[in-house]
PDB file of all heavy atoms in Angstrom:
ATOM      1  N   ALA A   1       0.845  -1.245   0.023  1.00  0.00           N
ATOM      2  CA  ALA A   1       0.043  -0.020  -0.048  1.00  0.00           C
ATOM      3  C   ALA A   1       0.891   1.293  -0.019  1.00  0.00           C
ATOM      4  O   ALA A   1       0.505   2.244  -0.685  1.00  0.00           O
ATOM      5  CB  ALA A   1      -0.964  -0.045   1.178  1.00  0.00           C
ATOM      6  N   GLU A   2       1.981   1.241   0.732  1.00  0.00           N
ATOM      7  CA  GLU A   2       2.844   2.346   0.767  1.00  0.00           C
ATOM      8  C   GLU A   2       3.613   2.553  -0.627  1.00  0.00           C
ATOM      9  O   GLU A   2       3.817   3.699  -1.055  1.00  0.00           O
ATOM     10  CB  GLU A   2       3.888   2.326   1.888  1.00  0.00           C
ATOM     11  CG  GLU A   2       3.226   2.435   3.251  1.00  0.00           C
ATOM     12  CD  GLU A   2       4.170   2.135   4.336  1.00  0.00           C
ATOM     13  OE1 GLU A   2       5.359   1.644   4.079  1.00  0.00           O
ATOM     14  OE2 GLU A   2       3.874   2.399   5.625  1.00  0.00           O
ATOM     15  N   ALA A   3       3.856   1.467  -1.349  1.00  0.00           N
ATOM     16  CA  ALA A   3       4.437   1.579  -2.623  1.00  0.00           C
ATOM     17  C   ALA A   3       3.484   2.137  -3.669  1.00  0.00           C
ATOM     18  O   ALA A   3       3.777   2.984  -4.473  1.00  0.00           O
ATOM     19  CB  ALA A   3       4.954   0.223  -3.068  1.00  0.00           C
ATOM     20  N   ASP A   4       2.123   1.799  -3.508  1.00  0.00           N
ATOM     21  CA  ASP A   4       1.139   2.363  -4.317  1.00  0.00           C
ATOM     22  C   ASP A   4       1.019   3.897  -4.090  1.00  0.00           C
ATOM     23  O   ASP A   4       0.728   4.670  -4.966  1.00  0.00           O
ATOM     24  CB  ASP A   4      -0.212   1.644  -4.084  1.00  0.00           C
ATOM     25  CG  ASP A   4      -0.192   0.246  -4.551  1.00  0.00           C
ATOM     26  OD1 ASP A   4       0.657  -0.050  -5.474  1.00  0.00           O
ATOM     27  OD2 ASP A   4      -0.988  -0.600  -4.146  1.00  0.00           O
ATOM     28  N   LEU A   5       1.103   4.215  -2.739  1.00  0.00           N
ATOM     29  CA  LEU A   5       0.986   5.661  -2.444  1.00  0.00           C
ATOM     30  C   LEU A   5       2.201   6.404  -2.983  1.00  0.00           C
ATOM     31  O   LEU A   5       1.994   7.507  -3.612  1.00  0.00           O
ATOM     32  CB  LEU A   5       1.047   5.787  -0.850  1.00  0.00           C
ATOM     33  CG  LEU A   5       1.066   7.225  -0.332  1.00  0.00           C
ATOM     34  CD1 LEU A   5      -0.136   8.049  -0.847  1.00  0.00           C
ATOM     35  CD2 LEU A   5       1.148   7.250   1.140  1.00  0.00           C
ATOM     36  N   ALA A   6       3.390   5.854  -2.926  1.00  0.00           N
ATOM     37  CA  ALA A   6       4.549   6.532  -3.534  1.00  0.00           C
ATOM     38  C   ALA A   6       4.415   6.673  -5.014  1.00  0.00           C
ATOM     39  O   ALA A   6       4.712   7.712  -5.541  1.00  0.00           O
ATOM     40  CB  ALA A   6       5.794   5.657  -3.223  1.00  0.00           C
ATOM     41  N   ARG A   7       3.764   5.654  -5.703  1.00  0.00           N
ATOM     42  CA  ARG A   7       3.599   5.811  -7.143  1.00  0.00           C
ATOM     43  C   ARG A   7       2.534   6.887  -7.460  1.00  0.00           C
ATOM     44  O   ARG A   7       2.649   7.720  -8.392  1.00  0.00           O
ATOM     45  CB  ARG A   7       3.051   4.402  -7.744  1.00  0.00           C
ATOM     46  CG  ARG A   7       2.735   4.487  -9.214  1.00  0.00           C
ATOM     47  CD  ARG A   7       2.044   3.291  -9.598  1.00  0.00           C
ATOM     48  NE  ARG A   7       0.761   3.186  -8.776  1.00  0.00           N
ATOM     49  CZ  ARG A   7      -0.331   3.764  -9.187  1.00  0.00           C
ATOM     50  NH1 ARG A   7      -0.438   4.630 -10.096  1.00  0.00           N
ATOM     51  NH2 ARG A   7      -1.407   3.656  -8.450  1.00  0.00           N
ATOM     52  N   ALA A   8       1.518   6.971  -6.601  1.00  0.00           N
ATOM     53  CA  ALA A   8       0.531   8.066  -6.825  1.00  0.00           C
ATOM     54  C   ALA A   8       0.977   9.424  -6.623  1.00  0.00           C
ATOM     55  O   ALA A   8       0.616  10.386  -7.213  1.00  0.00           O
ATOM     56  CB  ALA A   8      -0.677   7.850  -5.867  1.00  0.00           C
ATOM     57  N   LEU A   9       2.078   9.553  -5.756  1.00  0.00           N
ATOM     58  CA  LEU A   9       2.695  10.816  -5.446  1.00  0.00           C
ATOM     59  C   LEU A   9       3.810  11.242  -6.390  1.00  0.00           C
ATOM     60  O   LEU A   9       4.283  12.365  -6.385  1.00  0.00           O
ATOM     61  CB  LEU A   9       3.235  10.849  -4.030  1.00  0.00           C
ATOM     62  CG  LEU A   9       2.159  10.606  -2.886  1.00  0.00           C
ATOM     63  CD1 LEU A   9       2.845  10.610  -1.527  1.00  0.00           C
ATOM     64  CD2 LEU A   9       1.053  11.567  -2.968  1.00  0.00           C
ATOM     65  N   GLY A  10       4.371  10.231  -7.103  1.00  0.00           N
ATOM     66  CA  GLY A  10       5.574  10.435  -7.888  1.00  0.00           C
ATOM     67  C   GLY A  10       6.838  10.590  -6.979  1.00  0.00           C
ATOM     68  O   GLY A  10       7.605  11.427  -7.151  1.00  0.00           O
ATOM     69  N   TRP A  11       6.756   9.779  -5.940  1.00  0.00           N
ATOM     70  CA  TRP A  11       7.712   9.887  -4.905  1.00  0.00           C
ATOM     71  C   TRP A  11       9.066   9.241  -5.296  1.00  0.00           C
ATOM     72  O   TRP A  11       8.967   8.187  -5.959  1.00  0.00           O
ATOM     73  CB  TRP A  11       7.184   9.229  -3.618  1.00  0.00           C
ATOM     74  CG  TRP A  11       8.090   9.416  -2.446  1.00  0.00           C
ATOM     75  CD1 TRP A  11       9.078   8.583  -1.950  1.00  0.00           C
ATOM     76  CD2 TRP A  11       7.911  10.467  -1.406  1.00  0.00           C
ATOM     77  NE1 TRP A  11       9.548   9.083  -0.681  1.00  0.00           N
ATOM     78  CE2 TRP A  11       8.849  10.256  -0.413  1.00  0.00           C
ATOM     79  CE3 TRP A  11       7.084  11.586  -1.253  1.00  0.00           C
ATOM     80  CZ2 TRP A  11       8.966  11.007   0.698  1.00  0.00           C
ATOM     81  CZ3 TRP A  11       7.155  12.338  -0.102  1.00  0.00           C
ATOM     82  CH2 TRP A  11       8.081  12.099   0.751  1.00  0.00           C
ATOM     83  N   HIS A  12      10.167   9.769  -4.942  1.00  0.00           N
ATOM     84  CA  HIS A  12      11.525   9.239  -5.251  1.00  0.00           C
ATOM     85  C   HIS A  12      12.083   8.703  -3.914  1.00  0.00           C
ATOM     86  O   HIS A  12      12.154   9.469  -2.995  1.00  0.00           O
ATOM     87  CB  HIS A  12      12.376  10.194  -6.045  1.00  0.00           C
ATOM     88  CG  HIS A  12      11.872  10.769  -7.244  1.00  0.00           C
ATOM     89  ND1 HIS A  12      11.793  10.067  -8.381  1.00  0.00           N
ATOM     90  CD2 HIS A  12      11.277  11.973  -7.559  1.00  0.00           C
ATOM     91  CE1 HIS A  12      11.320  10.605  -9.433  1.00  0.00           C
ATOM     92  NE2 HIS A  12      10.908  11.936  -8.846  1.00  0.00           N
ATOM     93  N   GLY A  13      12.614   7.509  -3.953  1.00  0.00           N
ATOM     94  CA  GLY A  13      13.230   6.940  -2.725  1.00  0.00           C
ATOM     95  C   GLY A  13      12.317   6.034  -2.099  1.00  0.00           C
ATOM     96  O   GLY A  13      11.425   5.502  -2.613  1.00  0.00           O
ATOM     97  N   SER A  14      12.582   5.768  -0.870  1.00  0.00           N
ATOM     98  CA  SER A  14      11.842   4.854   0.069  1.00  0.00           C
ATOM     99  C   SER A  14      10.381   5.385   0.223  1.00  0.00           C
ATOM    100  O   SER A  14      10.162   6.590   0.281  1.00  0.00           O
ATOM    101  CB  SER A  14      12.397   4.620   1.356  1.00  0.00           C
ATOM    102  OG  SER A  14      13.748   4.166   1.269  1.00  0.00           O
ATOM    103  N   PRO A  15       9.412   4.454  -0.003  1.00  0.00           N
ATOM    104  CA  PRO A  15       7.949   4.846   0.136  1.00  0.00           C
ATOM    105  C   PRO A  15       7.700   5.575   1.484  1.00  0.00           C
ATOM    106  O   PRO A  15       8.229   5.082   2.540  1.00  0.00           O
ATOM    107  CB  PRO A  15       7.250   3.575  -0.010  1.00  0.00           C
ATOM    108  CG  PRO A  15       8.085   2.667  -0.727  1.00  0.00           C
ATOM    109  CD  PRO A  15       9.427   3.006  -0.245  1.00  0.00           C
ATOM    110  N   PRO A  16       6.895   6.662   1.533  1.00  0.00           N
ATOM    111  CA  PRO A  16       6.579   7.363   2.846  1.00  0.00           C
ATOM    112  C   PRO A  16       5.510   6.528   3.517  1.00  0.00           C
ATOM    113  O   PRO A  16       4.768   5.765   2.957  1.00  0.00           O
ATOM    114  CB  PRO A  16       6.164   8.696   2.386  1.00  0.00           C
ATOM    115  CG  PRO A  16       5.523   8.485   1.018  1.00  0.00           C
ATOM    116  CD  PRO A  16       6.309   7.385   0.404  1.00  0.00           C
ATOM    117  N   ALA A  17       5.371   6.910   4.774  1.00  0.00           N
ATOM    118  CA  ALA A  17       4.392   6.241   5.665  1.00  0.00           C
ATOM    119  C   ALA A  17       3.288   7.307   5.815  1.00  0.00           C
ATOM    120  O   ALA A  17       3.517   8.404   6.083  1.00  0.00           O
ATOM    121  CB  ALA A  17       4.930   5.795   6.994  1.00  0.00           C
ATOM    122  N   ALA A  18       2.017   6.897   5.590  1.00  0.00           N
ATOM    123  CA  ALA A  18       0.847   7.791   5.697  1.00  0.00           C
ATOM    124  C   ALA A  18       0.750   8.051   7.230  1.00  0.00           C
ATOM    125  O   ALA A  18       0.647   7.186   8.052  1.00  0.00           O
ATOM    126  CB  ALA A  18      -0.353   7.200   5.113  1.00  0.00           C
ATOM    127  N   ALA A  19       0.566   9.325   7.553  1.00  0.00           N
ATOM    128  CA  ALA A  19       0.378   9.767   8.942  1.00  0.00           C
ATOM    129  C   ALA A  19      -0.638  10.821   9.029  1.00  0.00           C
ATOM    130  O   ALA A  19      -1.047  11.407   8.098  1.00  0.00           O
ATOM    131  CB  ALA A  19       1.782  10.227   9.524  1.00  0.00           C
ATOM    132  N   GLY A  20      -1.113  11.050  10.282  1.00  0.00           N
ATOM    133  CA  GLY A  20      -2.074  12.153  10.517  1.00  0.00           C
ATOM    134  C   GLY A  20      -3.488  11.585  10.668  1.00  0.00           C
ATOM    135  O   GLY A  20      -3.665  10.303  10.492  1.00  0.00           O
ATOM    136  N   PRO A  21      -4.391  12.410  11.076  1.00  0.00           N
ATOM    137  CA  PRO A  21      -5.840  11.899  11.222  1.00  0.00           C
ATOM    138  C   PRO A  21      -6.540  11.567   9.993  1.00  0.00           C
ATOM    139  O   PRO A  21      -6.035  11.944   8.842  1.00  0.00           O
ATOM    140  CB  PRO A  21      -6.489  13.145  11.816  1.00  0.00           C
ATOM    141  CG  PRO A  21      -5.745  14.373  11.300  1.00  0.00           C
ATOM    142  CD  PRO A  21      -4.277  13.843  11.189  1.00  0.00           C
ATOM    143  N   LEU A  22      -7.510  10.650   9.949  1.00  0.00           N
ATOM    144  CA  LEU A  22      -8.182  10.200   8.893  1.00  0.00           C
ATOM    145  C   LEU A  22      -9.514  11.012   8.494  1.00  0.00           C
ATOM    146  O   LEU A  22     -10.199  10.672   7.598  1.00  0.00           O
ATOM    147  CB  LEU A  22      -8.538   8.719   9.135  1.00  0.00           C
ATOM    148  CG  LEU A  22      -7.402   7.782   9.197  1.00  0.00           C
ATOM    149  CD1 LEU A  22      -7.866   6.346   9.463  1.00  0.00           C
ATOM    150  CD2 LEU A  22      -6.517   7.821   7.918  1.00  0.00           C
ATOM    151  N   ASP A  23      -9.801  11.995   9.336  1.00  0.00           N
ATOM    152  CA  ASP A  23     -11.041  12.821   9.098  1.00  0.00           C
ATOM    153  C   ASP A  23     -10.727  14.162   8.574  1.00  0.00           C
ATOM    154  O   ASP A  23     -11.484  15.163   8.769  1.00  0.00           O
ATOM    155  CB  ASP A  23     -11.763  12.950  10.465  1.00  0.00           C
ATOM    156  CG  ASP A  23     -10.953  13.607  11.522  1.00  0.00           C
ATOM    157  OD1 ASP A  23      -9.716  13.741  11.315  1.00  0.00           O
ATOM    158  OD2 ASP A  23     -11.429  14.026  12.575  1.00  0.00           O
ATOM    159  N   VAL A  24      -9.623  14.247   7.788  1.00  0.00           N
ATOM    160  CA  VAL A  24      -9.343  15.533   7.148  1.00  0.00           C
ATOM    161  C   VAL A  24     -10.267  15.846   6.028  1.00  0.00           C
ATOM    162  O   VAL A  24     -10.602  15.027   5.181  1.00  0.00           O
ATOM    163  CB  VAL A  24      -7.857  15.553   6.619  1.00  0.00           C
ATOM    164  CG1 VAL A  24      -7.543  16.873   5.940  1.00  0.00           C
ATOM    165  CG2 VAL A  24      -6.934  15.323   7.774  1.00  0.00           C
ATOM    166  N   ASP A  25     -10.819  17.059   6.013  1.00  0.00           N
ATOM    167  CA  ASP A  25     -11.766  17.641   4.990  1.00  0.00           C
ATOM    168  C   ASP A  25     -13.010  16.846   4.845  1.00  0.00           C
ATOM    169  O   ASP A  25     -13.747  16.971   3.919  1.00  0.00           O
ATOM    170  CB  ASP A  25     -11.106  17.495   3.530  1.00  0.00           C
ATOM    171  CG  ASP A  25      -9.872  18.453   3.499  1.00  0.00           C
ATOM    172  OD1 ASP A  25      -9.798  19.447   4.290  1.00  0.00           O
ATOM    173  OD2 ASP A  25      -9.023  18.178   2.607  1.00  0.00           O
ATOM    174  N   LEU A  26     -13.437  16.197   5.945  1.00  0.00           N
ATOM    175  CA  LEU A  26     -14.721  15.458   5.927  1.00  0.00           C
ATOM    176  C   LEU A  26     -15.915  16.466   6.212  1.00  0.00           C
ATOM    177  O   LEU A  26     -17.039  16.033   6.027  1.00  0.00           O
ATOM    178  CB  LEU A  26     -14.732  14.305   7.003  1.00  0.00           C
ATOM    179  CG  LEU A  26     -13.768  13.201   6.724  1.00  0.00           C
ATOM    180  CD1 LEU A  26     -13.929  12.162   7.817  1.00  0.00           C
ATOM    181  CD2 LEU A  26     -14.020  12.609   5.350  1.00  0.00           C
ATOM    182  N   ASP A  27     -15.601  17.650   6.524  1.00  0.00           N
ATOM    183  CA  ASP A  27     -16.624  18.634   6.688  1.00  0.00           C
ATOM    184  C   ASP A  27     -16.951  19.436   5.533  1.00  0.00           C
ATOM    185  O   ASP A  27     -17.617  20.480   5.597  1.00  0.00           O
ATOM    186  CB  ASP A  27     -16.321  19.546   7.944  1.00  0.00           C
ATOM    187  CG  ASP A  27     -14.955  20.280   7.662  1.00  0.00           C
ATOM    188  OD1 ASP A  27     -14.231  19.817   6.864  1.00  0.00           O
ATOM    189  OD2 ASP A  27     -14.660  21.310   8.458  1.00  0.00           O
ATOM    190  N   ARG A  28     -16.422  19.122   4.355  1.00  0.00           N
ATOM    191  CA  ARG A  28     -16.618  19.808   3.122  1.00  0.00           C
ATOM    192  C   ARG A  28     -17.993  19.478   2.599  1.00  0.00           C
ATOM    193  O   ARG A  28     -18.706  18.597   3.100  1.00  0.00           O
ATOM    194  CB  ARG A  28     -15.510  19.506   2.039  1.00  0.00           C
ATOM    195  CG  ARG A  28     -14.119  19.900   2.520  1.00  0.00           C
ATOM    196  CD  ARG A  28     -13.200  19.926   1.399  1.00  0.00           C
ATOM    197  NE  ARG A  28     -13.229  18.673   0.601  1.00  0.00           N
ATOM    198  CZ  ARG A  28     -12.543  18.470  -0.513  1.00  0.00           C
ATOM    199  NH1 ARG A  28     -11.880  19.413  -1.031  1.00  0.00           N
ATOM    200  NH2 ARG A  28     -12.692  17.340  -1.100  1.00  0.00           N
ATOM    201  N   ALA A  29     -18.358  20.235   1.480  1.00  0.00           N
ATOM    202  CA  ALA A  29     -19.734  20.022   0.953  1.00  0.00           C
ATOM    203  C   ALA A  29     -19.860  18.654   0.399  1.00  0.00           C
ATOM    204  O   ALA A  29     -18.899  18.080  -0.124  1.00  0.00           O
ATOM    205  CB  ALA A  29     -19.855  21.006  -0.246  1.00  0.00           C
ATOM    206  N   THR A  30     -20.987  18.108   0.596  1.00  0.00           N
ATOM    207  CA  THR A  30     -21.302  16.737   0.124  1.00  0.00           C
ATOM    208  C   THR A  30     -21.718  16.759  -1.281  1.00  0.00           C
ATOM    209  O   THR A  30     -21.989  17.849  -1.869  1.00  0.00           O
ATOM    210  CB  THR A  30     -22.347  16.045   1.012  1.00  0.00           C
ATOM    211  OG1 THR A  30     -23.594  16.846   0.960  1.00  0.00           O
ATOM    212  CG2 THR A  30     -21.969  16.082   2.492  1.00  0.00           C
ATOM    213  N   ALA A  31     -21.883  15.591  -1.899  1.00  0.00           N
ATOM    214  CA  ALA A  31     -22.224  15.477  -3.295  1.00  0.00           C
ATOM    215  C   ALA A  31     -23.736  16.033  -3.482  1.00  0.00           C
ATOM    216  O   ALA A  31     -24.020  16.559  -4.605  1.00  0.00           O
ATOM    217  CB  ALA A  31     -22.253  14.038  -3.745  1.00  0.00           C
ATOM    218  N   ASP A  32     -24.566  15.924  -2.500  1.00  0.00           N
ATOM    219  CA  ASP A  32     -25.956  16.433  -2.647  1.00  0.00           C
ATOM    220  C   ASP A  32     -26.024  17.866  -2.785  1.00  0.00           C
ATOM    221  O   ASP A  32     -26.943  18.459  -3.283  1.00  0.00           O
ATOM    222  CB  ASP A  32     -26.849  15.901  -1.421  1.00  0.00           C
ATOM    223  CG  ASP A  32     -26.973  14.406  -1.430  1.00  0.00           C
ATOM    224  OD1 ASP A  32     -26.811  13.781  -2.578  1.00  0.00           O
ATOM    225  OD2 ASP A  32     -27.186  13.834  -0.366  1.00  0.00           O
ATOM    226  N   SER A  33     -25.038  18.637  -2.205  1.00  0.00           N
ATOM    227  CA  SER A  33     -25.107  20.172  -2.221  1.00  0.00           C
ATOM    228  C   SER A  33     -24.313  20.785  -3.377  1.00  0.00           C
ATOM    229  O   SER A  33     -24.195  21.949  -3.483  1.00  0.00           O
ATOM    230  CB  SER A  33     -24.470  20.668  -0.918  1.00  0.00           C
ATOM    231  OG  SER A  33     -23.192  20.270  -0.745  1.00  0.00           O
ATOM    232  N   VAL A  34     -23.819  19.863  -4.241  1.00  0.00           N
ATOM    233  CA  VAL A  34     -23.079  20.369  -5.464  1.00  0.00           C
ATOM    234  C   VAL A  34     -23.907  20.526  -6.635  1.00  0.00           C
ATOM    235  O   VAL A  34     -24.670  19.625  -6.885  1.00  0.00           O
ATOM    236  CB  VAL A  34     -21.863  19.479  -5.726  1.00  0.00           C
ATOM    237  CG1 VAL A  34     -21.077  19.894  -6.952  1.00  0.00           C
ATOM    238  CG2 VAL A  34     -20.875  19.286  -4.569  1.00  0.00           C
ATOM    239  N   GLU A  35     -23.888  21.723  -7.259  1.00  0.00           N
ATOM    240  CA  GLU A  35     -24.664  22.005  -8.528  1.00  0.00           C
ATOM    241  C   GLU A  35     -24.127  21.119  -9.554  1.00  0.00           C
ATOM    242  O   GLU A  35     -22.914  21.112  -9.773  1.00  0.00           O
ATOM    243  CB  GLU A  35     -24.668  23.459  -8.848  1.00  0.00           C
ATOM    244  CG  GLU A  35     -25.259  24.382  -7.869  1.00  0.00           C
ATOM    245  CD  GLU A  35     -26.768  24.272  -7.687  1.00  0.00           C
ATOM    246  OE1 GLU A  35     -27.312  23.688  -8.772  1.00  0.00           O
ATOM    247  OE2 GLU A  35     -27.347  24.500  -6.642  1.00  0.00           O
ATOM    248  N   SER A  36     -24.980  20.505 -10.321  1.00  0.00           N
ATOM    249  CA  SER A  36     -24.596  19.588 -11.494  1.00  0.00           C
ATOM    250  C   SER A  36     -23.817  20.355 -12.509  1.00  0.00           C
ATOM    251  O   SER A  36     -22.918  19.776 -13.099  1.00  0.00           O
ATOM    252  CB  SER A  36     -25.839  18.948 -12.012  1.00  0.00           C
ATOM    253  OG  SER A  36     -26.679  19.785 -12.624  1.00  0.00           O
TER     254      SER A  36
END
């Protein structure tokens, strides 16, 4: 999974470890409130 993350980031070197909270940006607008 970390190798896949490094590929998605275009990371060079050893794959990074994902850190931090998992609820970042969860208070943004939902799909129902977005104009088509």
